[in-house]
Amino acid sequence: ICCVCVTRSEEEMLKFLAGQNSIWSICGRDVLTAFDLSPFTQIYDLGGGGGALAQECVFLYPNCTVTIYDLPKVVQVAKERLVPPEEQRIAFHEGDFFKDSIPEADLYILSKILHDWDDEKCRQLLAEVYKACRPGGGVLVVESLLSEDRSGPVETQLYSLNMLVQTEGKERTAAEYSELLGAAGFREVQVRRTGKLYDAVLGRK
């Protein structure tokens, strides 16, 4: 997650992560039920931040476990301040998934991650995810999708402008995300528009 880049203190990071959590309290169910994720029992939430999406995931799919993989500072705040300690189905993994290895799992969730990066970095990350993914597993990309002619939605156009100004990334169309997943080796790529802020793209190995 990029919040370490824009926050200086633990309290500022906590505010940022709590803000992200509030988004998933509104949109999390829609993106996690866009596809039936019940076949995936071991899930890694890459850049899982404050853990709201992970908490929603174990609520919706009680037989799954979710590991939040994020930078050490983020994991520390999430573990101590945001994720209930009694929640045994959520674990934590400290690391930088661009530099460190990605453990084997059935499903990887990339929520609001790829839009931070250019195509080359996205391909690099997705290739590593594909290598780590178990056969029959998959990757769930959660992003705000542009229409194919890039004419909207307006909110997504504004997000894209923000990404261009603040990061190396951009918002993309469903076809562009499908191409990135396909280039990494994922097949049977499906897209679900939720009608809310964020949409879902699923690729299978």
Protein backbone atom coordinates (compact mmCIF):
# COMPACT_ATOMS: atom_id res chain seq x y z
CA ILE A 1 0.00 0.00 0.00
CA CYS A 2 1.29 3.49 -0.74
CA CYS A 3 0.15 5.09 2.51
CA VAL A 4 3.68 4.95 3.97
CA CYS A 5 4.67 7.37 1.20
CA VAL A 6 2.08 9.95 2.20
CA THR A 7 2.04 9.64 5.99
CA ARG A 8 4.68 10.50 8.54
CA SER A 9 3.38 9.42 11.92
CA GLU A 10 1.58 6.37 13.24
CA GLU A 11 -1.49 8.48 13.98
CA GLU A 12 -1.58 9.83 10.41
CA MET A 13 -1.22 6.31 9.08
CA LEU A 14 -4.02 5.14 11.36
CA LYS A 15 -6.30 7.86 9.98
CA PHE A 16 -5.40 6.90 6.42
CA LEU A 17 -6.02 3.19 7.02
CA ALA A 18 -9.27 3.89 8.86
CA GLY A 19 -10.39 5.95 5.86
CA GLN A 20 -9.58 3.06 3.53
CA ASN A 21 -11.47 0.71 5.85
CA SER A 22 -14.56 2.92 5.64
CA ILE A 23 -14.50 2.55 1.85
CA TRP A 24 -14.48 -1.24 2.12
CA SER A 25 -17.28 -1.18 4.68
CA ILE A 26 -19.38 0.29 1.86
CA CYS A 27 -17.93 -1.47 -1.20
CA GLY A 28 -16.29 -4.62 0.17
CA ARG A 29 -19.29 -6.94 -0.02
CA ASP A 30 -19.99 -5.99 -3.65
CA VAL A 31 -16.49 -6.76 -4.93
CA LEU A 32 -16.11 -9.92 -2.84
CA THR A 33 -19.43 -11.35 -4.00
CA ALA A 34 -19.00 -10.34 -7.65
CA PHE A 35 -17.65 -13.88 -8.05
CA ASP A 36 -18.10 -16.97 -5.90
CA LEU A 37 -14.84 -17.10 -3.97
CA SER A 38 -15.83 -20.05 -1.77
CA PRO A 39 -13.52 -22.52 -3.61
CA PHE A 40 -10.50 -20.48 -2.48
CA THR A 41 -9.63 -21.34 1.11
CA GLN A 42 -6.18 -19.77 1.51
CA ILE A 43 -6.19 -16.13 0.44
CA TYR A 44 -3.48 -13.46 0.42
CA ASP A 45 -4.59 -9.83 0.42
CA LEU A 46 -1.58 -8.07 -1.11
CA GLY A 47 -1.38 -4.52 0.19
CA GLY A 48 -4.26 -5.35 2.51
CA GLY A 49 -3.74 -2.23 4.59
CA GLY A 50 -6.13 -1.83 7.52
CA GLY A 51 -7.72 -5.22 7.02
CA ALA A 52 -11.36 -4.25 6.35
CA LEU A 53 -11.50 -6.24 3.11
CA ALA A 54 -9.93 -9.24 4.84
CA GLN A 55 -12.49 -9.02 7.64
CA GLU A 56 -15.35 -8.82 5.14
CA CYS A 57 -13.88 -11.78 3.26
CA VAL A 58 -13.76 -14.12 6.28
CA PHE A 59 -17.30 -13.02 7.20
CA LEU A 60 -18.65 -13.83 3.74
CA TYR A 61 -16.59 -17.00 3.31
CA PRO A 62 -16.23 -18.58 6.79
CA ASN A 63 -14.08 -21.47 5.53
CA CYS A 64 -11.32 -19.23 4.24
CA THR A 65 -8.27 -17.71 5.91
CA VAL A 66 -6.82 -14.39 4.76
CA THR A 67 -3.26 -13.20 5.19
CA ILE A 68 -2.67 -9.45 4.95
CA TYR A 69 0.65 -8.91 3.17
CA ASP A 70 1.89 -5.36 3.61
CA LEU A 71 4.82 -3.21 4.68
CA PRO A 72 5.92 -3.68 8.32
CA LYS A 73 4.69 -0.24 9.47
CA VAL A 74 1.26 -0.89 7.96
CA VAL A 75 1.01 -4.39 9.42
CA GLN A 76 1.95 -3.07 12.87
CA VAL A 77 -0.86 -0.51 12.88
CA ALA A 78 -3.42 -2.93 11.41
CA LYS A 79 -2.55 -5.65 13.90
CA GLU A 80 -2.50 -3.39 16.95
CA ARG A 81 -5.32 -0.96 16.14
CA LEU A 82 -7.68 -2.19 13.42
CA VAL A 83 -8.02 -5.99 13.23
CA PRO A 84 -9.60 -7.65 16.31
CA PRO A 85 -7.00 -9.91 17.98
CA GLU A 86 -9.60 -12.63 18.47
CA GLU A 87 -10.05 -13.02 14.69
CA GLN A 88 -8.10 -16.23 14.15
CA ARG A 89 -8.80 -16.47 10.42
CA ILE A 90 -6.74 -13.37 9.61
CA ALA A 91 -2.94 -13.53 9.65
CA PHE A 92 -0.23 -11.04 8.77
CA HIS A 93 2.85 -11.13 6.55
CA GLU A 94 5.34 -8.27 6.64
CA GLY A 95 7.16 -7.50 3.42
CA ASP A 96 7.38 -5.64 0.13
CA PHE A 97 5.80 -7.78 -2.57
CA PHE A 98 7.88 -6.08 -5.26
CA LYS A 99 11.09 -7.17 -3.53
CA ASP A 100 10.23 -10.14 -1.33
CA SER A 101 8.82 -13.54 -2.21
CA ILE A 102 5.08 -14.12 -2.43
CA PRO A 103 3.94 -17.28 -0.60
CA GLU A 104 1.79 -19.95 -2.21
CA ALA A 105 -1.98 -19.51 -1.92
CA ASP A 106 -5.27 -20.25 -3.67
CA LEU A 107 -6.28 -16.64 -4.31
CA TYR A 108 -4.54 -13.28 -4.29
CA ILE A 109 -6.51 -10.08 -3.84
CA LEU A 110 -5.07 -6.91 -5.35
CA SER A 111 -7.40 -4.12 -4.29
CA LYS A 112 -6.47 -0.63 -5.44
CA ILE A 113 -2.88 -1.76 -5.99
CA LEU A 114 -2.35 -1.96 -9.75
CA HIS A 115 -3.66 1.55 -10.38
CA ASP A 116 -0.65 2.89 -8.46
CA TRP A 117 1.81 1.52 -11.03
CA ASP A 118 2.69 1.66 -14.71
CA ASP A 119 2.12 -1.34 -16.98
CA GLU A 120 5.66 -2.68 -16.59
CA LYS A 121 5.45 -2.80 -12.80
CA CYS A 122 1.98 -4.36 -12.99
CA ARG A 123 3.28 -7.09 -15.29
CA GLN A 124 6.20 -7.71 -12.94
CA LEU A 125 3.92 -8.11 -9.92
CA LEU A 126 1.31 -10.22 -11.71
CA ALA A 127 4.02 -12.54 -13.04
CA GLU A 128 5.22 -13.17 -9.48
CA VAL A 129 1.65 -13.72 -8.31
CA TYR A 130 1.10 -16.22 -11.12
CA LYS A 131 4.24 -18.15 -10.16
CA ALA A 132 3.16 -18.34 -6.52
CA CYS A 133 -0.47 -19.22 -7.25
CA ARG A 134 -1.55 -22.83 -6.86
CA PRO A 135 -2.93 -24.55 -9.98
CA GLY A 136 -6.67 -23.84 -10.13
CA GLY A 137 -6.20 -20.73 -8.03
CA GLY A 138 -6.62 -17.16 -9.14
CA VAL A 139 -6.19 -13.44 -8.69
CA LEU A 140 -8.94 -10.94 -7.88
CA VAL A 141 -8.21 -7.40 -9.05
CA VAL A 142 -10.38 -4.72 -7.46
CA GLU A 143 -10.25 -1.36 -9.22
CA SER A 144 -12.45 1.43 -10.51
CA LEU A 145 -12.83 0.55 -14.20
CA LEU A 146 -12.91 3.09 -17.00
CA SER A 147 -15.39 2.47 -19.80
CA GLU A 148 -13.76 1.04 -22.92
CA ASP A 149 -13.93 4.40 -24.74
CA ARG A 150 -12.52 6.06 -21.60
CA SER A 151 -15.49 8.46 -21.48
CA GLY A 152 -16.36 7.65 -17.87
CA PRO A 153 -17.36 7.14 -15.18
CA VAL A 154 -16.48 10.67 -14.10
CA GLU A 155 -15.29 9.49 -10.68
CA THR A 156 -12.88 7.05 -12.32
CA GLN A 157 -11.56 9.74 -14.66
CA LEU A 158 -10.84 11.90 -11.62
CA TYR A 159 -9.11 8.96 -9.88
CA SER A 160 -6.98 8.47 -12.98
CA LEU A 161 -5.93 12.11 -13.01
CA ASN A 162 -5.03 11.80 -9.33
CA MET A 163 -2.97 8.68 -10.04
CA LEU A 164 -1.08 10.44 -12.82
CA VAL A 165 -0.24 13.34 -10.52
CA GLN A 166 0.66 11.42 -7.37
CA THR A 167 1.94 8.03 -8.57
CA GLU A 168 3.33 6.19 -11.59
CA GLY A 169 -0.07 4.71 -12.25
CA LYS A 170 -3.45 5.26 -13.85
CA GLU A 171 -6.97 3.86 -13.94
CA ARG A 172 -7.56 1.34 -16.73
CA THR A 173 -10.33 -0.25 -18.76
CA ALA A 174 -11.50 -3.83 -18.25
CA ALA A 175 -9.73 -4.80 -21.49
CA GLU A 176 -6.46 -3.32 -20.25
CA TYR A 177 -6.62 -5.25 -16.98
CA SER A 178 -7.57 -8.40 -18.88
CA GLU A 179 -4.52 -7.93 -21.10
CA LEU A 180 -2.23 -7.50 -18.09
CA LEU A 181 -3.59 -10.66 -16.45
CA GLY A 182 -3.36 -12.60 -19.69
CA ALA A 183 0.24 -11.53 -20.22
CA ALA A 184 1.10 -12.93 -16.78
CA GLY A 185 -0.45 -16.30 -17.70
CA PHE A 186 -3.90 -16.03 -16.12
CA ARG A 187 -6.79 -17.40 -18.19
CA GLU A 188 -10.58 -17.30 -18.15
CA VAL A 189 -10.43 -13.63 -17.18
CA GLN A 190 -13.88 -12.36 -16.18
CA VAL A 191 -15.06 -8.86 -15.35
CA ARG A 192 -17.92 -7.82 -13.07
CA ARG A 193 -19.05 -4.22 -12.79
CA THR A 194 -20.71 -3.68 -9.42
CA GLY A 195 -22.40 -0.37 -10.12
CA LYS A 196 -20.52 1.05 -7.12
CA LEU A 197 -17.12 2.72 -6.79
CA TYR A 198 -15.09 -0.42 -7.44
CA ASP A 199 -15.34 -3.33 -9.83
CA ALA A 200 -13.85 -6.83 -9.90
CA VAL A 201 -11.70 -8.74 -12.38
CA LEU A 202 -10.94 -12.43 -11.79
CA GLY A 203 -8.25 -14.46 -13.55
CA ARG A 204 -7.61 -18.19 -13.07
CA LYS A 205 -4.44 -20.23 -13.25
